[in-house]
Amino acid sequence: MSTDASRPAPPPFDPELGPVLDVLTEILPPSITPDMIPRLRQPVPGMEPATNEELSRDGAFELEELSVPGPAGDVPLLVCRPSGAPGPAGTVFYAHGGGMVIGDNRMGLPEVLDWAQELRLVVVSVEYRLAPEHPHPIPVEDCYAGLTWTAGNAAGLGAAPDRLVVAGLSAGGGLAAALALMARDRGGPALAGQLLMCPMLDDRDATPSSAQMAGLGVWDRTANETGWSALLGEARGGPGVSPYAAPARAEDLSGLPPAFIDVGSAETFRDEDVAYASRIWQAGGQAELHVWPGGFHSFDLLVPDAALSVAAKRARVSWLRRLLGA
């Protein structure tokens, strides 16, 4: 792997994952600039969102699309309930990835339904409004509106109200972390856990891993600047950024539900995610941290059959099973 003199040597990619990047970067280059956002919002042939028929998994899930009121307008939710008996073991409230600028509530949902099918979980996936058209606090408030609806309707969903987990990937992982902070600070909803997959937590974009992975892999520091600037505008990187926008800004990480945090060793978010787990421990909280060697950002979503991806997905299910007693 070649490097330039201004960048610290990056860690190597997993040998099974690295060759896939040559193909992936033609669709999703590491460095994303604001002018690329409209193109990235267009469907990619062969990577279309999952249909209702696909998500229902031959009747394993009952799907319902609805909208709930939020501060900035109605918020679409996609509810996936396991069919038949016994009843659900818990509920996952899921926020999709996409750097705050792309994606919808079907993005990444098939993997979440893998957990749900194995453990009999209800999944509620939120379609939050995207930046830059809808800057902070609109996306996280959309999510919080969906979360409070989910908690308040646990009985109607057939799920126990004390078994609600927030989960998210990348930008959605950051939103899930923010929801845990908001729920703590606003006095509810009560959360059993937070499952944060390669979460986007820190708008300052100034860690060693951010420098190491510049121009490499998936979602480098230029892309990160694009996403955070879309969300925060000129406030990005400056003083006074809300922890509900960038959870790494939170001064107090005590009193949070148990966390599962995982990230690749060869990605921009590695160091901010490791630091977040460490600060939860330092505040007396519980966190399970996995740093997958040689994994690039969202490797398990993009290369689901790789051995490292299989291990990562297995670890998440194991954590959920122990957390929920499923």
C-alpha atoms as a PDB file:
ATOM      1  CA  MET A   1       0.000   0.000   0.000  1.00  0.00           C
ATOM      2  CA  SER A   2       1.536   3.306  -1.041  1.00  0.00           C
ATOM      3  CA  THR A   3       1.532   6.344   1.234  1.00  0.00           C
ATOM      4  CA  ASP A   4       2.524   9.968   0.883  1.00  0.00           C
ATOM      5  CA  ALA A   5       4.984  11.756   3.139  1.00  0.00           C
ATOM      6  CA  SER A   6       2.289  13.843   4.837  1.00  0.00           C
ATOM      7  CA  ARG A   7       0.204  10.877   5.982  1.00  0.00           C
ATOM      8  CA  PRO A   8       1.095   8.408   8.750  1.00  0.00           C
ATOM      9  CA  ALA A   9       1.344   4.830   7.523  1.00  0.00           C
ATOM     10  CA  PRO A  10      -2.149   3.290   7.574  1.00  0.00           C
ATOM     11  CA  PRO A  11      -2.875  -0.186   8.923  1.00  0.00           C
ATOM     12  CA  PRO A  12      -3.268  -2.862   6.236  1.00  0.00           C
ATOM     13  CA  PHE A  13      -6.658  -3.966   4.981  1.00  0.00           C
ATOM     14  CA  ASP A  14      -7.791  -7.505   5.666  1.00  0.00           C
ATOM     15  CA  PRO A  15      -6.519  -9.643   2.747  1.00  0.00           C
ATOM     16  CA  GLU A  16     -10.035 -10.798   1.922  1.00  0.00           C
ATOM     17  CA  LEU A  17     -11.478  -7.272   2.022  1.00  0.00           C
ATOM     18  CA  GLY A  18      -8.715  -5.221   0.379  1.00  0.00           C
ATOM     19  CA  PRO A  19      -9.199  -6.458  -3.217  1.00  0.00           C
ATOM     20  CA  VAL A  20     -12.892  -5.566  -3.069  1.00  0.00           C
ATOM     21  CA  LEU A  21     -12.031  -1.896  -2.574  1.00  0.00           C
ATOM     22  CA  ASP A  22     -10.845  -1.579  -6.179  1.00  0.00           C
ATOM     23  CA  VAL A  23     -14.403  -2.282  -7.309  1.00  0.00           C
ATOM     24  CA  LEU A  24     -16.129  -0.386  -4.507  1.00  0.00           C
ATOM     25  CA  THR A  25     -14.219   2.842  -5.058  1.00  0.00           C
ATOM     26  CA  GLU A  26     -15.637   3.109  -8.577  1.00  0.00           C
ATOM     27  CA  ILE A  27     -19.083   3.425  -6.990  1.00  0.00           C
ATOM     28  CA  LEU A  28     -18.156   5.047  -3.680  1.00  0.00           C
ATOM     29  CA  PRO A  29     -14.809   6.879  -3.749  1.00  0.00           C
ATOM     30  CA  PRO A  30     -13.094   7.504  -0.386  1.00  0.00           C
ATOM     31  CA  SER A  31     -13.208  11.290  -0.714  1.00  0.00           C
ATOM     32  CA  ILE A  32     -16.738  12.650  -1.121  1.00  0.00           C
ATOM     33  CA  THR A  33     -17.273  16.348  -1.759  1.00  0.00           C
ATOM     34  CA  PRO A  34     -20.541  18.321  -1.529  1.00  0.00           C
ATOM     35  CA  ASP A  35     -21.045  18.384  -5.291  1.00  0.00           C
ATOM     36  CA  MET A  36     -21.232  14.585  -5.297  1.00  0.00           C
ATOM     37  CA  ILE A  37     -24.199  14.329  -2.925  1.00  0.00           C
ATOM     38  CA  PRO A  38     -26.950  14.520  -5.612  1.00  0.00           C
ATOM     39  CA  ARG A  39     -25.332  11.702  -7.603  1.00  0.00           C
ATOM     40  CA  LEU A  40     -24.869   9.535  -4.525  1.00  0.00           C
ATOM     41  CA  ARG A  41     -28.564   9.882  -3.757  1.00  0.00           C
ATOM     42  CA  GLN A  42     -29.442   8.208  -7.038  1.00  0.00           C
ATOM     43  CA  PRO A  43     -30.098   4.432  -7.045  1.00  0.00           C
ATOM     44  CA  VAL A  44     -27.107   2.291  -7.978  1.00  0.00           C
ATOM     45  CA  PRO A  45     -27.952  -0.499 -10.456  1.00  0.00           C
ATOM     46  CA  GLY A  46     -27.821  -3.808  -8.648  1.00  0.00           C
ATOM     47  CA  MET A  47     -27.918  -2.123  -5.219  1.00  0.00           C
ATOM     48  CA  GLU A  48     -31.561  -1.023  -5.136  1.00  0.00           C
ATOM     49  CA  PRO A  49     -33.313  -0.724  -1.746  1.00  0.00           C
ATOM     50  CA  ALA A  50     -34.900  -3.925  -0.477  1.00  0.00           C
ATOM     51  CA  THR A  51     -38.570  -4.324  -1.398  1.00  0.00           C
ATOM     52  CA  ASN A  52     -41.354  -5.092   1.057  1.00  0.00           C
ATOM     53  CA  GLU A  53     -41.483  -8.609  -0.334  1.00  0.00           C
ATOM     54  CA  GLU A  54     -37.774  -9.109   0.324  1.00  0.00           C
ATOM     55  CA  LEU A  55     -38.004  -7.638   3.812  1.00  0.00           C
ATOM     56  CA  SER A  56     -40.973  -9.811   4.745  1.00  0.00           C
ATOM     57  CA  ARG A  57     -38.773 -12.905   4.268  1.00  0.00           C
ATOM     58  CA  ASP A  58     -41.499 -15.251   3.082  1.00  0.00           C
ATOM     59  CA  GLY A  59     -43.870 -14.141   5.803  1.00  0.00           C
ATOM     60  CA  ALA A  60     -41.407 -14.143   8.690  1.00  0.00           C
ATOM     61  CA  PHE A  61     -42.146 -10.434   9.224  1.00  0.00           C
ATOM     62  CA  GLU A  62     -45.250  -8.290   8.978  1.00  0.00           C
ATOM     63  CA  LEU A  63     -44.409  -4.837   7.586  1.00  0.00           C
ATOM     64  CA  GLU A  64     -46.145  -1.549   8.250  1.00  0.00           C
ATOM     65  CA  GLU A  65     -45.204   1.894   6.928  1.00  0.00           C
ATOM     66  CA  LEU A  66     -46.480   4.816   8.978  1.00  0.00           C
ATOM     67  CA  SER A  67     -45.650   8.381   9.961  1.00  0.00           C
ATOM     68  CA  VAL A  68     -45.480   9.942  13.405  1.00  0.00           C
ATOM     69  CA  PRO A  69     -45.411  13.640  14.320  1.00  0.00           C
ATOM     70  CA  GLY A  70     -42.068  15.313  14.958  1.00  0.00           C
ATOM     71  CA  PRO A  71     -40.929  18.884  15.641  1.00  0.00           C
ATOM     72  CA  ALA A  72     -40.161  19.518  11.961  1.00  0.00           C
ATOM     73  CA  GLY A  73     -43.031  17.500  10.487  1.00  0.00           C
ATOM     74  CA  ASP A  74     -44.122  13.899  10.131  1.00  0.00           C
ATOM     75  CA  VAL A  75     -41.415  11.240  10.424  1.00  0.00           C
ATOM     76  CA  PRO A  76     -41.768   8.030   8.346  1.00  0.00           C
ATOM     77  CA  LEU A  77     -41.171   4.726  10.137  1.00  0.00           C
ATOM     78  CA  LEU A  78     -40.941   1.217   8.747  1.00  0.00           C
ATOM     79  CA  VAL A  79     -42.087  -1.343  11.319  1.00  0.00           C
ATOM     80  CA  CYS A  80     -41.105  -4.999  10.906  1.00  0.00           C
ATOM     81  CA  ARG A  81     -42.832  -7.374  13.379  1.00  0.00           C
ATOM     82  CA  PRO A  82     -42.047 -11.081  13.636  1.00  0.00           C
ATOM     83  CA  SER A  83     -45.023 -13.215  12.651  1.00  0.00           C
ATOM     84  CA  GLY A  84     -46.613 -15.863  14.861  1.00  0.00           C
ATOM     85  CA  ALA A  85     -45.773 -17.025  18.354  1.00  0.00           C
ATOM     86  CA  PRO A  86     -43.971 -16.719  20.671  1.00  0.00           C
ATOM     87  CA  GLY A  87     -44.050 -12.948  21.066  1.00  0.00           C
ATOM     88  CA  PRO A  88     -41.079 -10.682  20.328  1.00  0.00           C
ATOM     89  CA  ALA A  89     -38.120 -10.734  22.705  1.00  0.00           C
ATOM     90  CA  GLY A  90     -37.471  -7.015  22.292  1.00  0.00           C
ATOM     91  CA  THR A  91     -37.403  -4.051  19.926  1.00  0.00           C
ATOM     92  CA  VAL A  92     -34.594  -2.471  17.921  1.00  0.00           C
ATOM     93  CA  PHE A  93     -35.022   1.159  16.903  1.00  0.00           C
ATOM     94  CA  TYR A  94     -32.698   1.526  13.908  1.00  0.00           C
ATOM     95  CA  ALA A  95     -31.128   4.586  12.227  1.00  0.00           C
ATOM     96  CA  HIS A  96     -29.488   4.073   8.827  1.00  0.00           C
ATOM     97  CA  GLY A  97     -26.052   5.251   7.705  1.00  0.00           C
ATOM     98  CA  GLY A  98     -25.090   7.592   4.890  1.00  0.00           C
ATOM     99  CA  GLY A  99     -22.947  10.328   6.426  1.00  0.00           C
ATOM    100  CA  MET A 100     -26.048  12.408   7.288  1.00  0.00           C
ATOM    101  CA  VAL A 101     -26.487  13.203   3.579  1.00  0.00           C
ATOM    102  CA  ILE A 102     -27.744  10.021   1.869  1.00  0.00           C
ATOM    103  CA  GLY A 103     -29.823   6.932   2.623  1.00  0.00           C
ATOM    104  CA  ASP A 104     -33.309   5.902   3.698  1.00  0.00           C
ATOM    105  CA  ASN A 105     -34.935   3.621   6.226  1.00  0.00           C
ATOM    106  CA  ARG A 106     -34.326   0.521   4.106  1.00  0.00           C
ATOM    107  CA  MET A 107     -30.562   1.072   3.916  1.00  0.00           C
ATOM    108  CA  GLY A 108     -28.771  -1.583   5.973  1.00  0.00           C
ATOM    109  CA  LEU A 109     -32.093  -2.999   7.160  1.00  0.00           C
ATOM    110  CA  PRO A 110     -31.564  -6.575   5.853  1.00  0.00           C
ATOM    111  CA  GLU A 111     -28.714  -7.137   8.325  1.00  0.00           C
ATOM    112  CA  VAL A 112     -30.818  -5.826  11.190  1.00  0.00           C
ATOM    113  CA  LEU A 113     -33.553  -8.250  10.167  1.00  0.00           C
ATOM    114  CA  ASP A 114     -30.979 -11.049  10.377  1.00  0.00           C
ATOM    115  CA  TRP A 115     -30.707 -10.272  14.101  1.00  0.00           C
ATOM    116  CA  ALA A 116     -34.454  -9.902  14.405  1.00  0.00           C
ATOM    117  CA  GLN A 117     -35.218 -13.181  12.696  1.00  0.00           C
ATOM    118  CA  GLU A 118     -32.780 -15.112  14.877  1.00  0.00           C
ATOM    119  CA  LEU A 119     -33.794 -13.463  18.156  1.00  0.00           C
ATOM    120  CA  ARG A 120     -37.468 -12.616  17.379  1.00  0.00           C
ATOM    121  CA  LEU A 121     -37.171  -8.839  17.601  1.00  0.00           C
ATOM    122  CA  VAL A 122     -39.405  -6.047  16.373  1.00  0.00           C
ATOM    123  CA  VAL A 123     -37.482  -3.584  14.188  1.00  0.00           C
ATOM    124  CA  VAL A 124     -38.540   0.042  13.745  1.00  0.00           C
ATOM    125  CA  SER A 125     -36.442   1.834  11.124  1.00  0.00           C
ATOM    126  CA  VAL A 126     -36.625   5.626  10.975  1.00  0.00           C
ATOM    127  CA  GLU A 127     -36.440   7.826   7.873  1.00  0.00           C
ATOM    128  CA  TYR A 128     -34.877  10.975   9.287  1.00  0.00           C
ATOM    129  CA  ARG A 129     -34.492  14.084   7.138  1.00  0.00           C
ATOM    130  CA  LEU A 130     -31.099  14.539   5.511  1.00  0.00           C
ATOM    131  CA  ALA A 131     -28.567  17.368   5.590  1.00  0.00           C
ATOM    132  CA  PRO A 132     -27.739  19.848   4.166  1.00  0.00           C
ATOM    133  CA  GLU A 133     -31.393  20.593   3.413  1.00  0.00           C
ATOM    134  CA  HIS A 134     -32.258  19.666   7.002  1.00  0.00           C
ATOM    135  CA  PRO A 135     -29.359  20.557   9.343  1.00  0.00           C
ATOM    136  CA  HIS A 136     -29.019  19.781  13.036  1.00  0.00           C
ATOM    137  CA  PRO A 137     -31.158  19.369  15.100  1.00  0.00           C
ATOM    138  CA  ILE A 138     -33.728  18.141  12.569  1.00  0.00           C
ATOM    139  CA  PRO A 139     -32.261  14.643  11.890  1.00  0.00           C
ATOM    140  CA  VAL A 140     -31.783  13.723  15.545  1.00  0.00           C
ATOM    141  CA  GLU A 141     -35.134  15.213  16.570  1.00  0.00           C
ATOM    142  CA  ASP A 142     -36.784  13.145  13.820  1.00  0.00           C
ATOM    143  CA  CYS A 143     -35.135  10.088  15.353  1.00  0.00           C
ATOM    144  CA  TYR A 144     -36.154  11.037  18.882  1.00  0.00           C
ATOM    145  CA  ALA A 145     -39.768  11.470  17.776  1.00  0.00           C
ATOM    146  CA  GLY A 146     -39.669   7.995  16.270  1.00  0.00           C
ATOM    147  CA  LEU A 147     -38.062   6.566  19.388  1.00  0.00           C
ATOM    148  CA  THR A 148     -40.640   8.053  21.748  1.00  0.00           C
ATOM    149  CA  TRP A 149     -43.442   6.704  19.530  1.00  0.00           C
ATOM    150  CA  THR A 150     -41.811   3.256  19.558  1.00  0.00           C
ATOM    151  CA  ALA A 151     -41.463   3.261  23.351  1.00  0.00           C
ATOM    152  CA  GLY A 152     -45.028   4.457  23.822  1.00  0.00           C
ATOM    153  CA  ASN A 153     -46.419   1.796  21.512  1.00  0.00           C
ATOM    154  CA  ALA A 154     -44.451  -1.182  22.806  1.00  0.00           C
ATOM    155  CA  ALA A 155     -47.618  -2.999  23.826  1.00  0.00           C
ATOM    156  CA  GLY A 156     -49.147  -2.529  20.388  1.00  0.00           C
ATOM    157  CA  LEU A 157     -45.964  -3.855  18.831  1.00  0.00           C
ATOM    158  CA  GLY A 158     -46.169  -6.903  21.068  1.00  0.00           C
ATOM    159  CA  ALA A 159     -42.825  -6.116  22.709  1.00  0.00           C
ATOM    160  CA  ALA A 160     -41.782  -5.588  26.318  1.00  0.00           C
ATOM    161  CA  PRO A 161     -41.181  -1.860  27.031  1.00  0.00           C
ATOM    162  CA  ASP A 162     -38.015  -2.644  29.041  1.00  0.00           C
ATOM    163  CA  ARG A 163     -36.302  -4.340  26.087  1.00  0.00           C
ATOM    164  CA  LEU A 164     -35.800  -1.419  23.708  1.00  0.00           C
ATOM    165  CA  VAL A 165     -32.414  -1.023  22.022  1.00  0.00           C
ATOM    166  CA  VAL A 166     -31.263   1.844  19.800  1.00  0.00           C
ATOM    167  CA  ALA A 167     -28.987   0.823  16.940  1.00  0.00           C
ATOM    168  CA  GLY A 168     -27.356   2.458  13.976  1.00  0.00           C
ATOM    169  CA  LEU A 169     -24.613   2.252  11.396  1.00  0.00           C
ATOM    170  CA  SER A 170     -22.114   5.060  10.697  1.00  0.00           C
ATOM    171  CA  ALA A 171     -24.139   8.302  10.794  1.00  0.00           C
ATOM    172  CA  GLY A 172     -26.974   6.221  12.200  1.00  0.00           C
ATOM    173  CA  GLY A 173     -24.610   4.947  14.885  1.00  0.00           C
ATOM    174  CA  GLY A 174     -23.914   8.545  15.854  1.00  0.00           C
ATOM    175  CA  LEU A 175     -27.640   9.242  15.921  1.00  0.00           C
ATOM    176  CA  ALA A 176     -28.228   6.170  18.092  1.00  0.00           C
ATOM    177  CA  ALA A 177     -25.546   7.364  20.532  1.00  0.00           C
ATOM    178  CA  ALA A 178     -27.180  10.803  20.557  1.00  0.00           C
ATOM    179  CA  LEU A 179     -30.565   9.212  21.273  1.00  0.00           C
ATOM    180  CA  ALA A 180     -29.094   7.468  24.320  1.00  0.00           C
ATOM    181  CA  LEU A 181     -27.818  10.835  25.556  1.00  0.00           C
ATOM    182  CA  MET A 182     -31.142  12.552  24.848  1.00  0.00           C
ATOM    183  CA  ALA A 183     -33.164   9.818  26.537  1.00  0.00           C
ATOM    184  CA  ARG A 184     -30.956  10.106  29.625  1.00  0.00           C
ATOM    185  CA  ASP A 185     -31.149  13.897  29.722  1.00  0.00           C
ATOM    186  CA  ARG A 186     -34.860  14.160  28.926  1.00  0.00           C
ATOM    187  CA  GLY A 187     -35.950  11.452  31.323  1.00  0.00           C
ATOM    188  CA  GLY A 188     -36.845   8.733  28.837  1.00  0.00           C
ATOM    189  CA  PRO A 189     -37.557   6.570  26.968  1.00  0.00           C
ATOM    190  CA  ALA A 190     -35.868   3.858  29.014  1.00  0.00           C
ATOM    191  CA  LEU A 191     -33.313   1.992  26.900  1.00  0.00           C
ATOM    192  CA  ALA A 192     -31.915  -1.490  27.444  1.00  0.00           C
ATOM    193  CA  GLY A 193     -28.876  -0.851  25.261  1.00  0.00           C
ATOM    194  CA  GLN A 194     -27.232   0.959  22.366  1.00  0.00           C
ATOM    195  CA  LEU A 195     -25.668  -0.920  19.436  1.00  0.00           C
ATOM    196  CA  LEU A 196     -23.281   1.398  17.590  1.00  0.00           C
ATOM    197  CA  MET A 197     -21.735   0.075  14.371  1.00  0.00           C
ATOM    198  CA  CYS A 198     -18.741   2.140  13.193  1.00  0.00           C
ATOM    199  CA  PRO A 199     -20.495   5.222  14.587  1.00  0.00           C
ATOM    200  CA  MET A 200     -19.851   8.755  13.310  1.00  0.00           C
ATOM    201  CA  LEU A 201     -19.304  10.606  16.595  1.00  0.00           C
ATOM    202  CA  ASP A 202     -16.848  13.505  16.302  1.00  0.00           C
ATOM    203  CA  ASP A 203     -17.184  16.518  14.008  1.00  0.00           C
ATOM    204  CA  ARG A 204     -13.596  17.630  14.687  1.00  0.00           C
ATOM    205  CA  ASP A 205     -12.168  14.984  12.312  1.00  0.00           C
ATOM    206  CA  ALA A 206      -8.717  15.271  13.923  1.00  0.00           C
ATOM    207  CA  THR A 207      -7.736  11.797  15.128  1.00  0.00           C
ATOM    208  CA  PRO A 208      -4.683   9.790  14.032  1.00  0.00           C
ATOM    209  CA  SER A 209      -6.921   7.320  12.209  1.00  0.00           C
ATOM    210  CA  SER A 210      -8.505  10.190  10.281  1.00  0.00           C
ATOM    211  CA  ALA A 211      -5.041  11.229   9.095  1.00  0.00           C
ATOM    212  CA  GLN A 212      -3.936   7.668   8.370  1.00  0.00           C
ATOM    213  CA  MET A 213      -6.926   6.838   6.176  1.00  0.00           C
ATOM    214  CA  ALA A 214      -7.015  10.058   4.118  1.00  0.00           C
ATOM    215  CA  GLY A 215      -7.789   9.085   0.533  1.00  0.00           C
ATOM    216  CA  LEU A 216      -8.155   5.410   1.428  1.00  0.00           C
ATOM    217  CA  GLY A 217     -10.905   2.901   2.037  1.00  0.00           C
ATOM    218  CA  VAL A 218     -14.484   4.074   2.484  1.00  0.00           C
ATOM    219  CA  TRP A 219     -15.436   7.499   3.891  1.00  0.00           C
ATOM    220  CA  ASP A 220     -12.171   9.352   4.489  1.00  0.00           C
ATOM    221  CA  ARG A 221     -11.601  12.671   6.257  1.00  0.00           C
ATOM    222  CA  THR A 222     -12.722  14.685   3.200  1.00  0.00           C
ATOM    223  CA  ALA A 223     -15.999  12.770   3.102  1.00  0.00           C
ATOM    224  CA  ASN A 224     -16.284  13.234   6.849  1.00  0.00           C
ATOM    225  CA  GLU A 225     -15.836  16.991   6.499  1.00  0.00           C
ATOM    226  CA  THR A 226     -18.536  16.971   3.823  1.00  0.00           C
ATOM    227  CA  GLY A 227     -21.006  15.132   6.061  1.00  0.00           C
ATOM    228  CA  TRP A 228     -20.363  17.168   9.193  1.00  0.00           C
ATOM    229  CA  SER A 229     -20.378  20.479   7.296  1.00  0.00           C
ATOM    230  CA  ALA A 230     -23.721  19.551   5.755  1.00  0.00           C
ATOM    231  CA  LEU A 231     -25.117  18.887   9.231  1.00  0.00           C
ATOM    232  CA  LEU A 232     -23.494  21.746  11.164  1.00  0.00           C
ATOM    233  CA  GLY A 233     -22.461  24.366   8.616  1.00  0.00           C
ATOM    234  CA  GLU A 234     -19.804  26.778   9.843  1.00  0.00           C
ATOM    235  CA  ALA A 235     -20.154  25.453  13.396  1.00  0.00           C
ATOM    236  CA  ARG A 236     -18.376  22.208  12.421  1.00  0.00           C
ATOM    237  CA  GLY A 237     -15.201  21.738  14.429  1.00  0.00           C
ATOM    238  CA  GLY A 238     -15.722  24.867  16.507  1.00  0.00           C
ATOM    239  CA  PRO A 239     -16.735  25.411  20.117  1.00  0.00           C
ATOM    240  CA  GLY A 240     -20.230  24.784  21.362  1.00  0.00           C
ATOM    241  CA  VAL A 241     -21.264  21.894  19.101  1.00  0.00           C
ATOM    242  CA  SER A 242     -24.093  19.971  20.747  1.00  0.00           C
ATOM    243  CA  PRO A 243     -23.441  16.424  21.926  1.00  0.00           C
ATOM    244  CA  TYR A 244     -26.795  15.564  20.363  1.00  0.00           C
ATOM    245  CA  ALA A 245     -25.150  16.376  17.011  1.00  0.00           C
ATOM    246  CA  ALA A 246     -21.695  14.934  17.779  1.00  0.00           C
ATOM    247  CA  PRO A 247     -21.836  12.585  20.796  1.00  0.00           C
ATOM    248  CA  ALA A 248     -18.043  12.719  21.255  1.00  0.00           C
ATOM    249  CA  ARG A 249     -18.639  16.295  22.476  1.00  0.00           C
ATOM    250  CA  ALA A 250     -20.576  15.059  25.522  1.00  0.00           C
ATOM    251  CA  GLU A 251     -18.747  15.939  28.733  1.00  0.00           C
ATOM    252  CA  ASP A 252     -20.623  13.338  30.787  1.00  0.00           C
ATOM    253  CA  LEU A 253     -21.070   9.745  29.579  1.00  0.00           C
ATOM    254  CA  SER A 254     -22.393   8.389  32.862  1.00  0.00           C
ATOM    255  CA  GLY A 255     -25.867   6.934  33.248  1.00  0.00           C
ATOM    256  CA  LEU A 256     -26.045   5.504  29.726  1.00  0.00           C
ATOM    257  CA  PRO A 257     -27.419   2.088  28.772  1.00  0.00           C
ATOM    258  CA  PRO A 258     -24.935  -0.710  28.002  1.00  0.00           C
ATOM    259  CA  ALA A 259     -23.173  -0.125  24.692  1.00  0.00           C
ATOM    260  CA  PHE A 260     -21.848  -2.338  21.944  1.00  0.00           C
ATOM    261  CA  ILE A 261     -19.363  -0.448  19.764  1.00  0.00           C
ATOM    262  CA  ASP A 262     -17.487  -1.893  16.831  1.00  0.00           C
ATOM    263  CA  VAL A 263     -15.263  -0.404  14.150  1.00  0.00           C
ATOM    264  CA  GLY A 264     -12.596  -1.453  11.660  1.00  0.00           C
ATOM    265  CA  SER A 265      -8.920  -0.862  12.354  1.00  0.00           C
ATOM    266  CA  ALA A 266      -8.485   0.615   8.856  1.00  0.00           C
ATOM    267  CA  GLU A 267     -11.098   3.366   8.900  1.00  0.00           C
ATOM    268  CA  THR A 268     -11.507   7.008   9.777  1.00  0.00           C
ATOM    269  CA  PHE A 269     -13.740   6.435  12.827  1.00  0.00           C
ATOM    270  CA  ARG A 270     -11.450   3.965  14.625  1.00  0.00           C
ATOM    271  CA  ASP A 271      -9.930   6.308  17.190  1.00  0.00           C
ATOM    272  CA  GLU A 272     -13.052   8.322  18.019  1.00  0.00           C
ATOM    273  CA  ASP A 273     -15.011   5.094  18.560  1.00  0.00           C
ATOM    274  CA  VAL A 274     -12.329   3.547  20.774  1.00  0.00           C
ATOM    275  CA  ALA A 275     -12.187   6.808  22.755  1.00  0.00           C
ATOM    276  CA  TYR A 276     -15.969   6.804  23.208  1.00  0.00           C
ATOM    277  CA  ALA A 277     -15.949   3.274  24.610  1.00  0.00           C
ATOM    278  CA  SER A 278     -13.060   4.184  26.908  1.00  0.00           C
ATOM    279  CA  ARG A 279     -14.899   7.235  28.222  1.00  0.00           C
ATOM    280  CA  ILE A 280     -18.006   5.139  28.953  1.00  0.00           C
ATOM    281  CA  TRP A 281     -15.836   2.818  31.061  1.00  0.00           C
ATOM    282  CA  GLN A 282     -14.183   5.778  32.746  1.00  0.00           C
ATOM    283  CA  ALA A 283     -17.647   7.097  33.661  1.00  0.00           C
ATOM    284  CA  GLY A 284     -18.527   3.767  35.295  1.00  0.00           C
ATOM    285  CA  GLY A 285     -20.603   2.465  32.378  1.00  0.00           C
ATOM    286  CA  GLN A 286     -20.681  -0.753  30.440  1.00  0.00           C
ATOM    287  CA  ALA A 287     -19.389  -1.091  26.885  1.00  0.00           C
ATOM    288  CA  GLU A 288     -18.306  -3.963  24.681  1.00  0.00           C
ATOM    289  CA  LEU A 289     -15.746  -2.813  22.107  1.00  0.00           C
ATOM    290  CA  HIS A 290     -14.574  -4.651  18.982  1.00  0.00           C
ATOM    291  CA  VAL A 291     -11.906  -3.308  16.619  1.00  0.00           C
ATOM    292  CA  TRP A 292     -11.953  -5.578  13.582  1.00  0.00           C
ATOM    293  CA  PRO A 293      -8.408  -5.950  12.187  1.00  0.00           C
ATOM    294  CA  GLY A 294      -8.117  -4.738   8.616  1.00  0.00           C
ATOM    295  CA  GLY A 295     -11.756  -3.727   8.361  1.00  0.00           C
ATOM    296  CA  PHE A 296     -12.633  -0.623   6.354  1.00  0.00           C
ATOM    297  CA  HIS A 297     -15.742   1.459   7.026  1.00  0.00           C
ATOM    298  CA  SER A 298     -18.951  -0.621   6.744  1.00  0.00           C
ATOM    299  CA  PHE A 299     -16.940  -3.624   5.535  1.00  0.00           C
ATOM    300  CA  ASP A 300     -19.524  -6.107   6.780  1.00  0.00           C
ATOM    301  CA  LEU A 301     -22.329  -4.361   4.911  1.00  0.00           C
ATOM    302  CA  LEU A 302     -20.331  -4.085   1.682  1.00  0.00           C
ATOM    303  CA  VAL A 303     -18.637  -7.519   1.799  1.00  0.00           C
ATOM    304  CA  PRO A 304     -21.073  -9.553   3.899  1.00  0.00           C
ATOM    305  CA  ASP A 305     -19.607 -12.996   3.203  1.00  0.00           C
ATOM    306  CA  ALA A 306     -16.002 -12.236   4.199  1.00  0.00           C
ATOM    307  CA  ALA A 307     -14.805 -14.114   7.272  1.00  0.00           C
ATOM    308  CA  LEU A 308     -14.277 -10.864   9.183  1.00  0.00           C
ATOM    309  CA  SER A 309     -17.804  -9.727   8.312  1.00  0.00           C
ATOM    310  CA  VAL A 310     -19.308 -12.993   9.496  1.00  0.00           C
ATOM    311  CA  ALA A 311     -17.422 -12.669  12.803  1.00  0.00           C
ATOM    312  CA  ALA A 312     -18.582  -9.070  13.272  1.00  0.00           C
ATOM    313  CA  LYS A 313     -22.208  -9.935  12.658  1.00  0.00           C
ATOM    314  CA  ARG A 314     -22.008 -12.920  14.992  1.00  0.00           C
ATOM    315  CA  ALA A 315     -20.622 -10.706  17.784  1.00  0.00           C
ATOM    316  CA  ARG A 316     -23.568  -8.305  17.509  1.00  0.00           C
ATOM    317  CA  VAL A 317     -26.129 -11.093  17.723  1.00  0.00           C
ATOM    318  CA  SER A 318     -24.314 -12.578  20.699  1.00  0.00           C
ATOM    319  CA  TRP A 319     -24.390  -9.238  22.528  1.00  0.00           C
ATOM    320  CA  LEU A 320     -28.076  -8.736  21.804  1.00  0.00           C
ATOM    321  CA  ARG A 321     -28.875 -12.253  22.958  1.00  0.00           C
ATOM    322  CA  ARG A 322     -27.108 -11.707  26.280  1.00  0.00           C
ATOM    323  CA  LEU A 323     -28.588  -8.227  26.732  1.00  0.00           C
ATOM    324  CA  LEU A 324     -32.175  -9.212  26.035  1.00  0.00           C
ATOM    325  CA  GLY A 325     -32.096 -12.792  27.296  1.00  0.00           C
ATOM    326  CA  ALA A 326     -33.388 -13.837  23.877  1.00  0.00           C
END
